[in-house]
Structure formats: C-alpha cells, structure tokens
C-alpha cells in the first residue's frame, strides 16, 4: 500500500532548506526510495512550510529514513527550524488520480 509522509515546520531559512534538499537528492541518487516530493509554503504565513513525500510503502519510507544521508539531512533541517517539525505518516487507502 502506498505511503505518504507530511513534514511541517516554521522557518526563515527556506532557501537554505532547498539547498540541503538538493544536496540530499544528489547524494542519494539511485538509492532513495521516495518517488515524489512536494514543497509548499502557506500563502497566509510564508514561514510555514509543508513537505509531502510519496513512497511505494511504509517499509520503503523506513528504508529511506534509515539512510545515513537522510539522518544527516534531518539533523541539519531541524537546526534551521523554529522548533521541532511535525510529522504525519499516512497510509493511502484510496487514490483516484
């Protein structure tokens, strides 16, 4: 079953987060298990961002999460946020795309 993780936080460092993300993508090319990601910014609060990451399954998400590059990225990301990020781990029940 498909799996989606949503990460939310507040920051004034979105450009730095984008650079970190690009570096992570380059470092994990051909090995990461995420199939798609979307970065959004709240129109009413430009400091509030949401990242939506798609995986084939929960297991593939955990494989991705356990990669050393992902662990390093997470530590650097948290340092750029106003507080800890919030996570939603979602099992896809129905997809009508």
PDB file of N, CA and C in Angstrom:
ATOM      1  N   UNK A   1       0.846  -1.166   0.000  1.00  0.00           N
ATOM      2  CA  UNK A   1       0.000   0.000   0.000  1.00  0.00           C
ATOM      3  C   UNK A   1       0.895   1.234   0.000  1.00  0.00           C
ATOM      4  N   UNK A   2       0.555   2.240  -0.772  1.00  0.00           N
ATOM      5  CA  UNK A   2       1.319   3.482  -0.853  1.00  0.00           C
ATOM      6  C   UNK A   2       1.319   4.200   0.495  1.00  0.00           C
ATOM      7  N   UNK A   3       2.328   5.030   0.682  1.00  0.00           N
ATOM      8  CA  UNK A   3       2.538   5.715   1.950  1.00  0.00           C
ATOM      9  C   UNK A   3       2.978   7.146   1.668  1.00  0.00           C
ATOM     10  N   UNK A   4       2.481   8.080   2.466  1.00  0.00           N
ATOM     11  CA  UNK A   4       2.833   9.491   2.324  1.00  0.00           C
ATOM     12  C   UNK A   4       3.265  10.008   3.690  1.00  0.00           C
ATOM     13  N   UNK A   5       4.361  10.749   3.693  1.00  0.00           N
ATOM     14  CA  UNK A   5       4.767  11.420   4.919  1.00  0.00           C
ATOM     15  C   UNK A   5       4.678  12.925   4.693  1.00  0.00           C
ATOM     16  N   UNK A   6       4.077  13.615   5.652  1.00  0.00           N
ATOM     17  CA  UNK A   6       3.964  15.067   5.605  1.00  0.00           C
ATOM     18  C   UNK A   6       4.796  15.631   6.748  1.00  0.00           C
ATOM     19  N   UNK A   7       5.680  16.564   6.399  1.00  0.00           N
ATOM     20  CA  UNK A   7       6.546  17.221   7.374  1.00  0.00           C
ATOM     21  C   UNK A   7       6.201  18.705   7.353  1.00  0.00           C
ATOM     22  N   UNK A   8       5.956  19.274   8.525  1.00  0.00           N
ATOM     23  CA  UNK A   8       5.614  20.692   8.615  1.00  0.00           C
ATOM     24  C   UNK A   8       6.506  21.391   9.622  1.00  0.00           C
ATOM     25  N   UNK A   9       6.770  22.671   9.360  1.00  0.00           N
ATOM     26  CA  UNK A   9       7.551  23.457  10.297  1.00  0.00           C
ATOM     27  C   UNK A   9       7.481  24.929   9.963  1.00  0.00           C
ATOM     28  N   UNK A  10       8.192  25.701  10.756  1.00  0.00           N
ATOM     29  CA  UNK A  10       8.289  27.140  10.551  1.00  0.00           C
ATOM     30  C   UNK A  10       9.765  27.521  10.485  1.00  0.00           C
ATOM     31  N   UNK A  11      10.097  28.416   9.542  1.00  0.00           N
ATOM     32  CA  UNK A  11      11.480  28.828   9.373  1.00  0.00           C
ATOM     33  C   UNK A  11      11.574  30.126   8.593  1.00  0.00           C
ATOM     34  N   UNK A  12      12.687  30.805   8.786  1.00  0.00           N
ATOM     35  CA  UNK A  12      13.057  31.942   7.947  1.00  0.00           C
ATOM     36  C   UNK A  12      14.155  31.524   6.965  1.00  0.00           C
ATOM     37  N   UNK A  13      14.461  30.234   6.901  1.00  0.00           N
ATOM     38  CA  UNK A  13      15.604  29.724   6.143  1.00  0.00           C
ATOM     39  C   UNK A  13      15.193  28.774   5.020  1.00  0.00           C
ATOM     40  N   UNK A  14      14.118  29.087   4.331  1.00  0.00           N
ATOM     41  CA  UNK A  14      13.625  28.188   3.288  1.00  0.00           C
ATOM     42  C   UNK A  14      14.644  27.991   2.163  1.00  0.00           C
ATOM     43  N   UNK A  15      15.371  29.029   1.791  1.00  0.00           N
ATOM     44  CA  UNK A  15      16.384  28.884   0.747  1.00  0.00           C
ATOM     45  C   UNK A  15      17.473  27.897   1.161  1.00  0.00           C
ATOM     46  N   UNK A  16      17.891  27.953   2.418  1.00  0.00           N
ATOM     47  CA  UNK A  16      18.894  27.018   2.915  1.00  0.00           C
ATOM     48  C   UNK A  16      18.342  25.592   2.942  1.00  0.00           C
ATOM     49  N   UNK A  17      17.086  25.462   3.295  1.00  0.00           N
ATOM     50  CA  UNK A  17      16.462  24.137   3.297  1.00  0.00           C
ATOM     51  C   UNK A  17      16.415  23.578   1.873  1.00  0.00           C
ATOM     52  N   UNK A  18      16.105  24.425   0.903  1.00  0.00           N
ATOM     53  CA  UNK A  18      16.109  23.984  -0.500  1.00  0.00           C
ATOM     54  C   UNK A  18      17.492  23.492  -0.909  1.00  0.00           C
ATOM     55  N   UNK A  19      18.543  24.196  -0.502  1.00  0.00           N
ATOM     56  CA  UNK A  19      19.914  23.777  -0.832  1.00  0.00           C
ATOM     57  C   UNK A  19      20.246  22.444  -0.172  1.00  0.00           C
ATOM     58  N   UNK A  20      19.837  22.279   1.077  1.00  0.00           N
ATOM     59  CA  UNK A  20      20.041  20.998   1.760  1.00  0.00           C
ATOM     60  C   UNK A  20      19.331  19.870   1.027  1.00  0.00           C
ATOM     61  N   UNK A  21      18.112  20.140   0.594  1.00  0.00           N
ATOM     62  CA  UNK A  21      17.320  19.146  -0.119  1.00  0.00           C
ATOM     63  C   UNK A  21      17.987  18.757  -1.433  1.00  0.00           C
ATOM     64  N   UNK A  22      18.482  19.744  -2.159  1.00  0.00           N
ATOM     65  CA  UNK A  22      19.173  19.463  -3.418  1.00  0.00           C
ATOM     66  C   UNK A  22      20.429  18.617  -3.180  1.00  0.00           C
ATOM     67  N   UNK A  23      21.165  18.927  -2.125  1.00  0.00           N
ATOM     68  CA  UNK A  23      22.364  18.152  -1.795  1.00  0.00           C
ATOM     69  C   UNK A  23      21.996  16.719  -1.425  1.00  0.00           C
ATOM     70  N   UNK A  24      20.902  16.552  -0.658  1.00  0.00           N
ATOM     71  CA  UNK A  24      20.447  15.213  -0.291  1.00  0.00           C
ATOM     72  C   UNK A  24      20.048  14.419  -1.534  1.00  0.00           C
ATOM     73  N   UNK A  25      19.316  15.065  -2.446  1.00  0.00           N
ATOM     74  CA  UNK A  25      18.900  14.391  -3.678  1.00  0.00           C
ATOM     75  C   UNK A  25      20.107  13.930  -4.489  1.00  0.00           C
ATOM     76  N   UNK A  26      21.119  14.763  -4.588  1.00  0.00           N
ATOM     77  CA  UNK A  26      22.328  14.383  -5.328  1.00  0.00           C
ATOM     78  C   UNK A  26      23.051  13.225  -4.639  1.00  0.00           C
ATOM     79  N   UNK A  27      23.124  13.281  -3.311  1.00  0.00           N
ATOM     80  CA  UNK A  27      23.847  12.253  -2.546  1.00  0.00           C
ATOM     81  C   UNK A  27      23.137  10.902  -2.547  1.00  0.00           C
ATOM     82  N   UNK A  28      21.817  10.910  -2.758  1.00  0.00           N
ATOM     83  CA  UNK A  28      21.053   9.657  -2.684  1.00  0.00           C
ATOM     84  C   UNK A  28      20.540   9.198  -4.050  1.00  0.00           C
ATOM     85  N   UNK A  29      21.015   9.831  -5.101  1.00  0.00           N
ATOM     86  CA  UNK A  29      20.579   9.476  -6.462  1.00  0.00           C
ATOM     87  C   UNK A  29      20.715   7.970  -6.694  1.00  0.00           C
ATOM     88  N   UNK A  30      19.631   7.365  -7.151  1.00  0.00           N
ATOM     89  CA  UNK A  30      19.634   5.935  -7.458  1.00  0.00           C
ATOM     90  C   UNK A  30      19.440   5.031  -6.256  1.00  0.00           C
ATOM     91  N   UNK A  31      19.404   5.591  -5.046  1.00  0.00           N
ATOM     92  CA  UNK A  31      19.253   4.766  -3.844  1.00  0.00           C
ATOM     93  C   UNK A  31      18.053   5.162  -3.002  1.00  0.00           C
ATOM     94  N   UNK A  32      17.620   6.417  -3.092  1.00  0.00           N
ATOM     95  CA  UNK A  32      16.491   6.851  -2.257  1.00  0.00           C
ATOM     96  C   UNK A  32      15.216   6.133  -2.710  1.00  0.00           C
ATOM     97  N   UNK A  33      14.312   5.972  -1.781  1.00  0.00           N
ATOM     98  CA  UNK A  33      13.090   5.231  -2.089  1.00  0.00           C
ATOM     99  C   UNK A  33      11.869   6.129  -2.230  1.00  0.00           C
ATOM    100  N   UNK A  34      12.024   7.419  -1.979  1.00  0.00           N
ATOM    101  CA  UNK A  34      10.898   8.322  -2.217  1.00  0.00           C
ATOM    102  C   UNK A  34      10.660   8.412  -3.717  1.00  0.00           C
ATOM    103  N   UNK A  35       9.402   8.478  -4.094  1.00  0.00           N
ATOM    104  CA  UNK A  35       9.060   8.520  -5.520  1.00  0.00           C
ATOM    105  C   UNK A  35       8.700   9.920  -5.993  1.00  0.00           C
ATOM    106  N   UNK A  36       8.379  10.805  -5.032  1.00  0.00           N
ATOM    107  CA  UNK A  36       7.997  12.170  -5.373  1.00  0.00           C
ATOM    108  C   UNK A  36       7.986  12.980  -4.090  1.00  0.00           C
ATOM    109  N   UNK A  37       8.275  14.282  -4.205  1.00  0.00           N
ATOM    110  CA  UNK A  37       8.114  15.168  -3.058  1.00  0.00           C
ATOM    111  C   UNK A  37       7.628  16.528  -3.547  1.00  0.00           C
ATOM    112  N   UNK A  38       6.841  17.166  -2.699  1.00  0.00           N
ATOM    113  CA  UNK A  38       6.282  18.474  -3.000  1.00  0.00           C
ATOM    114  C   UNK A  38       6.558  19.377  -1.807  1.00  0.00           C
ATOM    115  N   UNK A  39       7.139  20.537  -2.061  1.00  0.00           N
ATOM    116  CA  UNK A  39       7.355  21.544  -1.030  1.00  0.00           C
ATOM    117  C   UNK A  39       6.315  22.633  -1.215  1.00  0.00           C
ATOM    118  N   UNK A  40       5.615  22.969  -0.153  1.00  0.00           N
ATOM    119  CA  UNK A  40       4.611  24.037  -0.218  1.00  0.00           C
ATOM    120  C   UNK A  40       4.911  25.077   0.849  1.00  0.00           C
ATOM    121  N   UNK A  41       4.447  26.297   0.591  1.00  0.00           N
ATOM    122  CA  UNK A  41       4.540  27.387   1.557  1.00  0.00           C
ATOM    123  C   UNK A  41       3.144  27.959   1.735  1.00  0.00           C
ATOM    124  N   UNK A  42       2.784  28.209   2.965  1.00  0.00           N
ATOM    125  CA  UNK A  42       1.466  28.744   3.306  1.00  0.00           C
ATOM    126  C   UNK A  42       1.357  30.191   2.832  1.00  0.00           C
ATOM    127  N   UNK A  43       0.384  30.484   2.009  1.00  0.00           N
ATOM    128  CA  UNK A  43       0.186  31.851   1.494  1.00  0.00           C
ATOM    129  C   UNK A  43      -0.101  32.846   2.612  1.00  0.00           C
ATOM    130  N   UNK A  44      -0.710  32.381   3.683  1.00  0.00           N
ATOM    131  CA  UNK A  44      -1.059  33.262   4.803  1.00  0.00           C
ATOM    132  C   UNK A  44       0.036  33.373   5.860  1.00  0.00           C
ATOM    133  N   UNK A  45       1.015  32.494   5.794  1.00  0.00           N
ATOM    134  CA  UNK A  45       2.143  32.500   6.729  1.00  0.00           C
ATOM    135  C   UNK A  45       3.363  31.966   5.984  1.00  0.00           C
ATOM    136  N   UNK A  46       4.125  32.833   5.308  1.00  0.00           N
ATOM    137  CA  UNK A  46       5.235  32.373   4.472  1.00  0.00           C
ATOM    138  C   UNK A  46       6.364  31.697   5.241  1.00  0.00           C
ATOM    139  N   UNK A  47       6.311  31.715   6.563  1.00  0.00           N
ATOM    140  CA  UNK A  47       7.301  30.997   7.364  1.00  0.00           C
ATOM    141  C   UNK A  47       6.886  29.536   7.581  1.00  0.00           C
ATOM    142  N   UNK A  48       5.614  29.210   7.271  1.00  0.00           N
ATOM    143  CA  UNK A  48       5.087  27.859   7.466  1.00  0.00           C
ATOM    144  C   UNK A  48       5.226  27.075   6.161  1.00  0.00           C
ATOM    145  N   UNK A  49       5.954  25.973   6.231  1.00  0.00           N
ATOM    146  CA  UNK A  49       6.131  25.137   5.044  1.00  0.00           C
ATOM    147  C   UNK A  49       5.629  23.723   5.328  1.00  0.00           C
ATOM    148  N   UNK A  50       5.308  23.038   4.255  1.00  0.00           N
ATOM    149  CA  UNK A  50       4.908  21.640   4.315  1.00  0.00           C
ATOM    150  C   UNK A  50       5.638  20.895   3.207  1.00  0.00           C
ATOM    151  N   UNK A  51       6.180  19.740   3.530  1.00  0.00           N
ATOM    152  CA  UNK A  51       6.779  18.856   2.531  1.00  0.00           C
ATOM    153  C   UNK A  51       5.942  17.584   2.518  1.00  0.00           C
ATOM    154  N   UNK A  52       5.521  17.192   1.326  1.00  0.00           N
ATOM    155  CA  UNK A  52       4.726  15.982   1.141  1.00  0.00           C
ATOM    156  C   UNK A  52       5.599  15.011   0.360  1.00  0.00           C
ATOM    157  N   UNK A  53       5.902  13.862   0.965  1.00  0.00           N
ATOM    158  CA  UNK A  53       6.812  12.888   0.355  1.00  0.00           C
ATOM    159  C   UNK A  53       6.058  11.585   0.121  1.00  0.00           C
ATOM    160  N   UNK A  54       6.176  11.058  -1.082  1.00  0.00           N
ATOM    161  CA  UNK A  54       5.463   9.855  -1.509  1.00  0.00           C
ATOM    162  C   UNK A  54       6.407   8.658  -1.558  1.00  0.00           C
ATOM    163  N   UNK A  55       5.897   7.513  -1.122  1.00  0.00           N
ATOM    164  CA  UNK A  55       6.650   6.256  -1.133  1.00  0.00           C
ATOM    165  C   UNK A  55       5.736   5.139  -1.633  1.00  0.00           C
ATOM    166  N   UNK A  56       6.339   4.060  -2.086  1.00  0.00           N
ATOM    167  CA  UNK A  56       5.560   2.897  -2.504  1.00  0.00           C
ATOM    168  C   UNK A  56       4.932   2.168  -1.324  1.00  0.00           C
ATOM    169  N   UNK A  57       5.580   2.279  -0.147  1.00  0.00           N
ATOM    170  CA  UNK A  57       5.080   1.578   1.046  1.00  0.00           C
ATOM    171  C   UNK A  57       5.717   2.192   2.290  1.00  0.00           C
ATOM    172  N   UNK A  58       5.161   1.842   3.437  1.00  0.00           N
ATOM    173  CA  UNK A  58       5.745   2.252   4.717  1.00  0.00           C
ATOM    174  C   UNK A  58       7.166   1.705   4.835  1.00  0.00           C
ATOM    175  N   UNK A  59       7.351   0.471   4.416  1.00  0.00           N
ATOM    176  CA  UNK A  59       8.670  -0.158   4.513  1.00  0.00           C
ATOM    177  C   UNK A  59       9.711   0.601   3.696  1.00  0.00           C
ATOM    178  N   UNK A  60       9.328   1.046   2.494  1.00  0.00           N
ATOM    179  CA  UNK A  60      10.292   1.797   1.689  1.00  0.00           C
ATOM    180  C   UNK A  60      10.571   3.166   2.314  1.00  0.00           C
ATOM    181  N   UNK A  61       9.587   3.740   2.991  1.00  0.00           N
ATOM    182  CA  UNK A  61       9.809   5.005   3.700  1.00  0.00           C
ATOM    183  C   UNK A  61      10.812   4.813   4.838  1.00  0.00           C
ATOM    184  N   UNK A  62      10.688   3.711   5.566  1.00  0.00           N
ATOM    185  CA  UNK A  62      11.612   3.438   6.664  1.00  0.00           C
ATOM    186  C   UNK A  62      13.011   3.163   6.136  1.00  0.00           C
ATOM    187  N   UNK A  63      13.111   2.490   5.006  1.00  0.00           N
ATOM    188  CA  UNK A  63      14.411   2.265   4.367  1.00  0.00           C
ATOM    189  C   UNK A  63      15.057   3.604   4.026  1.00  0.00           C
ATOM    190  N   UNK A  64      14.274   4.510   3.463  1.00  0.00           N
ATOM    191  CA  UNK A  64      14.757   5.841   3.107  1.00  0.00           C
ATOM    192  C   UNK A  64      15.182   6.612   4.359  1.00  0.00           C
ATOM    193  N   UNK A  65      14.362   6.535   5.392  1.00  0.00           N
ATOM    194  CA  UNK A  65      14.630   7.248   6.638  1.00  0.00           C
ATOM    195  C   UNK A  65      15.920   6.773   7.297  1.00  0.00           C
ATOM    196  N   UNK A  66      16.243   5.508   7.146  1.00  0.00           N
ATOM    197  CA  UNK A  66      17.422   4.930   7.791  1.00  0.00           C
ATOM    198  C   UNK A  66      18.724   5.167   7.033  1.00  0.00           C
ATOM    199  N   UNK A  67      18.653   5.774   5.860  1.00  0.00           N
ATOM    200  CA  UNK A  67      19.871   6.065   5.106  1.00  0.00           C
ATOM    201  C   UNK A  67      20.700   7.103   5.864  1.00  0.00           C
ATOM    202  N   UNK A  68      22.019   6.947   5.935  1.00  0.00           N
ATOM    203  CA  UNK A  68      22.853   7.935   6.637  1.00  0.00           C
ATOM    204  C   UNK A  68      22.660   9.358   6.106  1.00  0.00           C
ATOM    205  N   UNK A  69      22.481   9.487   4.817  1.00  0.00           N
ATOM    206  CA  UNK A  69      22.292  10.811   4.221  1.00  0.00           C
ATOM    207  C   UNK A  69      20.994  11.458   4.706  1.00  0.00           C
ATOM    208  N   UNK A  70      19.958  10.641   4.904  1.00  0.00           N
ATOM    209  CA  UNK A  70      18.687  11.168   5.397  1.00  0.00           C
ATOM    210  C   UNK A  70      18.822  11.586   6.853  1.00  0.00           C
ATOM    211  N   UNK A  71      19.531  10.795   7.634  1.00  0.00           N
ATOM    212  CA  UNK A  71      19.755  11.149   9.040  1.00  0.00           C
ATOM    213  C   UNK A  71      20.528  12.468   9.144  1.00  0.00           C
ATOM    214  N   UNK A  72      21.542  12.632   8.313  1.00  0.00           N
ATOM    215  CA  UNK A  72      22.322  13.866   8.306  1.00  0.00           C
ATOM    216  C   UNK A  72      21.452  15.054   7.878  1.00  0.00           C
ATOM    217  N   UNK A  73      20.660  14.855   6.818  1.00  0.00           N
ATOM    218  CA  UNK A  73      19.758  15.897   6.337  1.00  0.00           C
ATOM    219  C   UNK A  73      18.792  16.321   7.438  1.00  0.00           C
ATOM    220  N   UNK A  74      18.218  15.354   8.137  1.00  0.00           N
ATOM    221  CA  UNK A  74      17.246  15.648   9.194  1.00  0.00           C
ATOM    222  C   UNK A  74      17.860  16.508  10.296  1.00  0.00           C
ATOM    223  N   UNK A  75      19.066  16.187  10.703  1.00  0.00           N
ATOM    224  CA  UNK A  75      19.734  16.967  11.737  1.00  0.00           C
ATOM    225  C   UNK A  75      19.963  18.408  11.307  1.00  0.00           C
ATOM    226  N   UNK A  76      20.392  18.585  10.068  1.00  0.00           N
ATOM    227  CA  UNK A  76      20.623  19.936   9.551  1.00  0.00           C
ATOM    228  C   UNK A  76      19.307  20.686   9.373  1.00  0.00           C
ATOM    229  N   UNK A  77      18.265  19.983   8.954  1.00  0.00           N
ATOM    230  CA  UNK A  77      16.949  20.605   8.782  1.00  0.00           C
ATOM    231  C   UNK A  77      16.434  21.142  10.110  1.00  0.00           C
ATOM    232  N   UNK A  78      16.464  20.323  11.137  1.00  0.00           N
ATOM    233  CA  UNK A  78      15.951  20.713  12.446  1.00  0.00           C
ATOM    234  C   UNK A  78      16.670  21.959  12.962  1.00  0.00           C
ATOM    235  N   UNK A  79      17.959  22.074  12.661  1.00  0.00           N
ATOM    236  CA  UNK A  79      18.723  23.239  13.111  1.00  0.00           C
ATOM    237  C   UNK A  79      18.241  24.536  12.465  1.00  0.00           C
ATOM    238  N   UNK A  80      17.567  24.446  11.323  1.00  0.00           N
ATOM    239  CA  UNK A  80      17.081  25.627  10.614  1.00  0.00           C
ATOM    240  C   UNK A  80      15.630  25.987  10.958  1.00  0.00           C
ATOM    241  N   UNK A  81      14.993  25.182  11.779  1.00  0.00           N
ATOM    242  CA  UNK A  81      13.582  25.400  12.109  1.00  0.00           C
ATOM    243  C   UNK A  81      13.432  26.116  13.445  1.00  0.00           C
ATOM    244  N   UNK A  82      12.283  26.745  13.632  1.00  0.00           N
ATOM    245  CA  UNK A  82      11.987  27.437  14.875  1.00  0.00           C
ATOM    246  C   UNK A  82      11.754  26.473  16.033  1.00  0.00           C
ATOM    247  N   UNK A  83      11.371  25.269  15.720  1.00  0.00           N
ATOM    248  CA  UNK A  83      11.111  24.243  16.723  1.00  0.00           C
ATOM    249  C   UNK A  83      11.099  22.907  16.019  1.00  0.00           C
ATOM    250  N   UNK A  84      10.770  21.856  16.722  1.00  0.00           N
ATOM    251  CA  UNK A  84      10.749  20.548  16.065  1.00  0.00           C
ATOM    252  C   UNK A  84       9.671  20.486  14.983  1.00  0.00           C
ATOM    253  N   UNK A  85       9.970  19.783  13.887  1.00  0.00           N
ATOM    254  CA  UNK A  85       8.957  19.635  12.843  1.00  0.00           C
ATOM    255  C   UNK A  85       7.861  18.681  13.317  1.00  0.00           C
ATOM    256  N   UNK A  86       6.691  18.800  12.684  1.00  0.00           N
ATOM    257  CA  UNK A  86       5.635  17.821  12.950  1.00  0.00           C
ATOM    258  C   UNK A  86       5.562  16.864  11.768  1.00  0.00           C
ATOM    259  N   UNK A  87       5.216  15.634  12.059  1.00  0.00           N
ATOM    260  CA  UNK A  87       5.150  14.581  11.047  1.00  0.00           C
ATOM    261  C   UNK A  87       3.766  13.953  11.043  1.00  0.00           C
ATOM    262  N   UNK A  88       3.271  13.677   9.852  1.00  0.00           N
ATOM    263  CA  UNK A  88       2.077  12.849   9.686  1.00  0.00           C
ATOM    264  C   UNK A  88       2.472  11.693   8.782  1.00  0.00           C
ATOM    265  N   UNK A  89       2.220  10.478   9.224  1.00  0.00           N
ATOM    266  CA  UNK A  89       2.538   9.267   8.467  1.00  0.00           C
ATOM    267  C   UNK A  89       1.232   8.655   7.996  1.00  0.00           C
ATOM    268  N   UNK A  90       0.998   8.699   6.693  1.00  0.00           N
ATOM    269  CA  UNK A  90      -0.313   8.367   6.138  1.00  0.00           C
ATOM    270  C   UNK A  90      -0.268   7.155   5.215  1.00  0.00           C
ATOM    271  N   UNK A  91      -1.086   6.172   5.521  1.00  0.00           N
ATOM    272  CA  UNK A  91      -1.311   5.046   4.619  1.00  0.00           C
ATOM    273  C   UNK A  91      -2.345   5.478   3.592  1.00  0.00           C
ATOM    274  N   UNK A  92      -2.067   5.273   2.321  1.00  0.00           N
ATOM    275  CA  UNK A  92      -3.027   5.616   1.278  1.00  0.00           C
ATOM    276  C   UNK A  92      -4.097   4.525   1.242  1.00  0.00           C
ATOM    277  N   UNK A  93      -5.331   4.919   1.428  1.00  0.00           N
ATOM    278  CA  UNK A  93      -6.464   3.994   1.423  1.00  0.00           C
ATOM    279  C   UNK A  93      -7.116   3.975   0.048  1.00  0.00           C
ATOM    280  N   UNK A  94      -7.170   5.148  -0.580  1.00  0.00           N
ATOM    281  CA  UNK A  94      -7.774   5.239  -1.895  1.00  0.00           C
ATOM    282  C   UNK A  94      -7.067   6.349  -2.662  1.00  0.00           C
ATOM    283  N   UNK A  95      -6.831   6.127  -3.946  1.00  0.00           N
ATOM    284  CA  UNK A  95      -6.174   7.115  -4.799  1.00  0.00           C
ATOM    285  C   UNK A  95      -6.940   7.179  -6.110  1.00  0.00           C
ATOM    286  N   UNK A  96      -7.639   8.267  -6.351  1.00  0.00           N
ATOM    287  CA  UNK A  96      -8.456   8.413  -7.541  1.00  0.00           C
ATOM    288  C   UNK A  96      -7.797   9.317  -8.570  1.00  0.00           C
ATOM    289  N   UNK A  97      -6.492   9.288  -8.668  1.00  0.00           N
ATOM    290  CA  UNK A  97      -5.821  10.166  -9.625  1.00  0.00           C
ATOM    291  C   UNK A  97      -5.980   9.679 -11.037  1.00  0.00           C
TER     292      UNK A  97
END
